[in-house]
């Protein structure tokens, strides 16, 4: 979701990459809630962070606590900022209905959007 918003809202300011420490494929519920706000992420793919080691990043933003603790060291001058968001699949796991599950995804989607809208200033707020 963060990649989708960053590409849509900030592609004139950033070259956006997204990767994780594990690959899981596209989450269909994330695709659905992003489509609700006219952000198409169907062409995105689950990329492993090791596949991006050759890129000299200026900034690396981790968005979940697990990734922040496990994120590899990036070569060069990359500054790492952690901005935690709840994990929608983890929240939705115990949902009592599809509507409740969608609510978790929508809340996190909206929080991510609000954060992306603060960039680049928002990069200076967080843990480096």
C-alpha atoms as a PDB file:
ATOM      1  CA  UNK A   1       0.000   0.000   0.000  1.00  0.00           C
ATOM      2  CA  UNK A   2       2.850   2.392   0.808  1.00  0.00           C
ATOM      3  CA  UNK A   3       4.406   1.816  -2.602  1.00  0.00           C
ATOM      4  CA  UNK A   4       1.089   2.494  -4.309  1.00  0.00           C
ATOM      5  CA  UNK A   5       0.563   5.801  -2.523  1.00  0.00           C
ATOM      6  CA  UNK A   6       4.193   6.857  -2.947  1.00  0.00           C
ATOM      7  CA  UNK A   7       4.044   6.170  -6.684  1.00  0.00           C
ATOM      8  CA  UNK A   8       0.731   7.959  -7.105  1.00  0.00           C
ATOM      9  CA  UNK A   9       1.370  10.946  -4.851  1.00  0.00           C
ATOM     10  CA  UNK A  10       5.137  11.465  -4.894  1.00  0.00           C
ATOM     11  CA  UNK A  11       6.578  10.002  -8.088  1.00  0.00           C
ATOM     12  CA  UNK A  12       7.654  13.503  -9.123  1.00  0.00           C
ATOM     13  CA  UNK A  13       9.868  13.664  -6.009  1.00  0.00           C
ATOM     14  CA  UNK A  14      11.020  10.074  -5.460  1.00  0.00           C
ATOM     15  CA  UNK A  15      11.994   6.969  -7.327  1.00  0.00           C
ATOM     16  CA  UNK A  16       9.970   4.426  -5.372  1.00  0.00           C
ATOM     17  CA  UNK A  17      10.920   0.846  -4.605  1.00  0.00           C
ATOM     18  CA  UNK A  18       9.222  -1.571  -2.278  1.00  0.00           C
ATOM     19  CA  UNK A  19      10.625  -4.748  -0.817  1.00  0.00           C
ATOM     20  CA  UNK A  20      10.332  -6.912   2.221  1.00  0.00           C
ATOM     21  CA  UNK A  21      12.371  -9.355   4.218  1.00  0.00           C
ATOM     22  CA  UNK A  22       9.879 -12.016   3.105  1.00  0.00           C
ATOM     23  CA  UNK A  23       7.823 -12.280  -0.075  1.00  0.00           C
ATOM     24  CA  UNK A  24       4.167 -13.202   0.080  1.00  0.00           C
ATOM     25  CA  UNK A  25       2.677 -12.071  -3.201  1.00  0.00           C
ATOM     26  CA  UNK A  26       0.017  -9.414  -3.563  1.00  0.00           C
ATOM     27  CA  UNK A  27      -2.611  -9.423  -0.865  1.00  0.00           C
ATOM     28  CA  UNK A  28      -6.031  -9.409  -2.569  1.00  0.00           C
ATOM     29  CA  UNK A  29      -7.642  -7.463   0.259  1.00  0.00           C
ATOM     30  CA  UNK A  30      -4.976  -4.759   0.019  1.00  0.00           C
ATOM     31  CA  UNK A  31      -5.592  -4.598  -3.734  1.00  0.00           C
ATOM     32  CA  UNK A  32      -9.321  -4.210  -3.059  1.00  0.00           C
ATOM     33  CA  UNK A  33      -9.066  -1.393  -0.502  1.00  0.00           C
ATOM     34  CA  UNK A  34      -6.512   0.478  -2.597  1.00  0.00           C
ATOM     35  CA  UNK A  35      -8.834   0.281  -5.599  1.00  0.00           C
ATOM     36  CA  UNK A  36     -11.493   1.933  -3.427  1.00  0.00           C
ATOM     37  CA  UNK A  37      -9.323   5.075  -3.391  1.00  0.00           C
ATOM     38  CA  UNK A  38      -8.359   4.790  -7.082  1.00  0.00           C
ATOM     39  CA  UNK A  39      -4.858   3.421  -6.522  1.00  0.00           C
ATOM     40  CA  UNK A  40      -4.181   0.410  -8.723  1.00  0.00           C
ATOM     41  CA  UNK A  41      -1.529  -1.876  -7.243  1.00  0.00           C
ATOM     42  CA  UNK A  42      -2.342  -4.929  -9.349  1.00  0.00           C
ATOM     43  CA  UNK A  43       0.919  -4.500 -11.268  1.00  0.00           C
ATOM     44  CA  UNK A  44       3.042  -4.470  -8.132  1.00  0.00           C
ATOM     45  CA  UNK A  45       4.950  -7.519  -7.022  1.00  0.00           C
ATOM     46  CA  UNK A  46       6.369  -8.857  -3.819  1.00  0.00           C
ATOM     47  CA  UNK A  47      10.114  -8.215  -4.002  1.00  0.00           C
ATOM     48  CA  UNK A  48      12.764  -9.416  -1.565  1.00  0.00           C
ATOM     49  CA  UNK A  49      15.050  -6.721  -0.163  1.00  0.00           C
ATOM     50  CA  UNK A  50      18.110  -8.688  -1.293  1.00  0.00           C
ATOM     51  CA  UNK A  51      17.057  -8.026  -4.896  1.00  0.00           C
ATOM     52  CA  UNK A  52      17.586  -4.286  -4.331  1.00  0.00           C
ATOM     53  CA  UNK A  53      21.026  -4.366  -2.700  1.00  0.00           C
ATOM     54  CA  UNK A  54      22.600  -2.883  -5.852  1.00  0.00           C
ATOM     55  CA  UNK A  55      20.643   0.381  -5.528  1.00  0.00           C
ATOM     56  CA  UNK A  56      22.235   3.328  -3.727  1.00  0.00           C
ATOM     57  CA  UNK A  57      19.298   4.541  -1.653  1.00  0.00           C
ATOM     58  CA  UNK A  58      19.120   7.951  -0.034  1.00  0.00           C
ATOM     59  CA  UNK A  59      16.295   6.869   2.288  1.00  0.00           C
ATOM     60  CA  UNK A  60      14.906   3.532   3.424  1.00  0.00           C
ATOM     61  CA  UNK A  61      11.569   3.625   5.228  1.00  0.00           C
ATOM     62  CA  UNK A  62      10.521   0.548   7.173  1.00  0.00           C
ATOM     63  CA  UNK A  63       6.800   0.328   7.858  1.00  0.00           C
ATOM     64  CA  UNK A  64       6.446  -2.644  10.181  1.00  0.00           C
ATOM     65  CA  UNK A  65       8.213  -3.519  13.415  1.00  0.00           C
ATOM     66  CA  UNK A  66       9.350  -6.947  12.167  1.00  0.00           C
ATOM     67  CA  UNK A  67      11.074  -5.369   9.166  1.00  0.00           C
ATOM     68  CA  UNK A  68      12.656  -2.653  11.293  1.00  0.00           C
ATOM     69  CA  UNK A  69      14.313  -5.270  13.490  1.00  0.00           C
ATOM     70  CA  UNK A  70      15.409  -7.444  10.589  1.00  0.00           C
ATOM     71  CA  UNK A  71      16.202  -4.854   7.911  1.00  0.00           C
ATOM     72  CA  UNK A  72      19.612  -5.424   6.350  1.00  0.00           C
ATOM     73  CA  UNK A  73      22.322  -2.809   6.281  1.00  0.00           C
ATOM     74  CA  UNK A  74      22.249  -0.903   3.023  1.00  0.00           C
ATOM     75  CA  UNK A  75      25.542   0.107   1.466  1.00  0.00           C
ATOM     76  CA  UNK A  76      26.302   3.776   0.968  1.00  0.00           C
ATOM     77  CA  UNK A  77      24.665   6.694   2.661  1.00  0.00           C
ATOM     78  CA  UNK A  78      21.101   5.379   3.063  1.00  0.00           C
ATOM     79  CA  UNK A  79      19.305   6.847   6.042  1.00  0.00           C
ATOM     80  CA  UNK A  80      16.825   4.450   7.593  1.00  0.00           C
ATOM     81  CA  UNK A  81      13.600   5.760   9.114  1.00  0.00           C
ATOM     82  CA  UNK A  82      11.091   3.539  10.840  1.00  0.00           C
ATOM     83  CA  UNK A  83       7.397   4.451  10.692  1.00  0.00           C
ATOM     84  CA  UNK A  84       5.348   1.614  12.129  1.00  0.00           C
ATOM     85  CA  UNK A  85       1.894   0.748  10.883  1.00  0.00           C
ATOM     86  CA  UNK A  86      -0.295  -2.074  12.118  1.00  0.00           C
ATOM     87  CA  UNK A  87      -0.164  -5.193   9.945  1.00  0.00           C
ATOM     88  CA  UNK A  88      -3.606  -5.511   8.306  1.00  0.00           C
ATOM     89  CA  UNK A  89      -3.432  -9.296   7.732  1.00  0.00           C
ATOM     90  CA  UNK A  90      -2.548  -9.813  11.389  1.00  0.00           C
ATOM     91  CA  UNK A  91      -5.418  -7.573  12.509  1.00  0.00           C
ATOM     92  CA  UNK A  92      -7.874  -9.207  10.105  1.00  0.00           C
ATOM     93  CA  UNK A  93      -6.962 -12.730  11.190  1.00  0.00           C
ATOM     94  CA  UNK A  94      -9.373 -12.529  14.140  1.00  0.00           C
ATOM     95  CA  UNK A  95     -12.046 -10.441  12.422  1.00  0.00           C
ATOM     96  CA  UNK A  96     -15.581 -11.661  12.966  1.00  0.00           C
ATOM     97  CA  UNK A  97     -16.721 -10.614   9.486  1.00  0.00           C
ATOM     98  CA  UNK A  98     -15.395  -9.540   6.108  1.00  0.00           C
ATOM     99  CA  UNK A  99     -16.565  -5.998   6.861  1.00  0.00           C
ATOM    100  CA  UNK A 100     -14.562  -5.936  10.073  1.00  0.00           C
ATOM    101  CA  UNK A 101     -11.485  -7.227   8.224  1.00  0.00           C
ATOM    102  CA  UNK A 102     -11.934  -4.597   5.515  1.00  0.00           C
ATOM    103  CA  UNK A 103     -12.165  -1.964   8.236  1.00  0.00           C
ATOM    104  CA  UNK A 104      -8.697  -2.876   9.500  1.00  0.00           C
ATOM    105  CA  UNK A 105      -7.247  -2.655   5.995  1.00  0.00           C
ATOM    106  CA  UNK A 106      -8.999   0.659   5.337  1.00  0.00           C
ATOM    107  CA  UNK A 107      -7.743   2.194   8.580  1.00  0.00           C
ATOM    108  CA  UNK A 108      -4.137   1.229   7.891  1.00  0.00           C
ATOM    109  CA  UNK A 109      -4.480   2.286   4.236  1.00  0.00           C
ATOM    110  CA  UNK A 110      -5.632   5.739   5.329  1.00  0.00           C
ATOM    111  CA  UNK A 111      -2.834   6.037   7.906  1.00  0.00           C
ATOM    112  CA  UNK A 112      -0.252   5.135   5.256  1.00  0.00           C
ATOM    113  CA  UNK A 113      -1.734   7.659   2.832  1.00  0.00           C
ATOM    114  CA  UNK A 114      -1.596  10.396   5.472  1.00  0.00           C
ATOM    115  CA  UNK A 115       2.075   9.582   6.136  1.00  0.00           C
ATOM    116  CA  UNK A 116       3.037   9.525   2.452  1.00  0.00           C
ATOM    117  CA  UNK A 117       1.386  12.914   2.019  1.00  0.00           C
ATOM    118  CA  UNK A 118       3.883  14.335   4.585  1.00  0.00           C
ATOM    119  CA  UNK A 119       6.901  13.310   2.519  1.00  0.00           C
ATOM    120  CA  UNK A 120       9.626  14.429   2.160  1.00  0.00           C
ATOM    121  CA  UNK A 121       9.285  16.381   5.427  1.00  0.00           C
ATOM    122  CA  UNK A 122       7.970  13.253   7.165  1.00  0.00           C
ATOM    123  CA  UNK A 123      11.278  11.499   6.561  1.00  0.00           C
ATOM    124  CA  UNK A 124      12.850  13.587   9.277  1.00  0.00           C
ATOM    125  CA  UNK A 125      10.306  12.341  11.830  1.00  0.00           C
ATOM    126  CA  UNK A 126      10.935   8.830  13.066  1.00  0.00           C
ATOM    127  CA  UNK A 127      13.768   6.673  14.247  1.00  0.00           C
ATOM    128  CA  UNK A 128      17.009   6.884  12.305  1.00  0.00           C
END
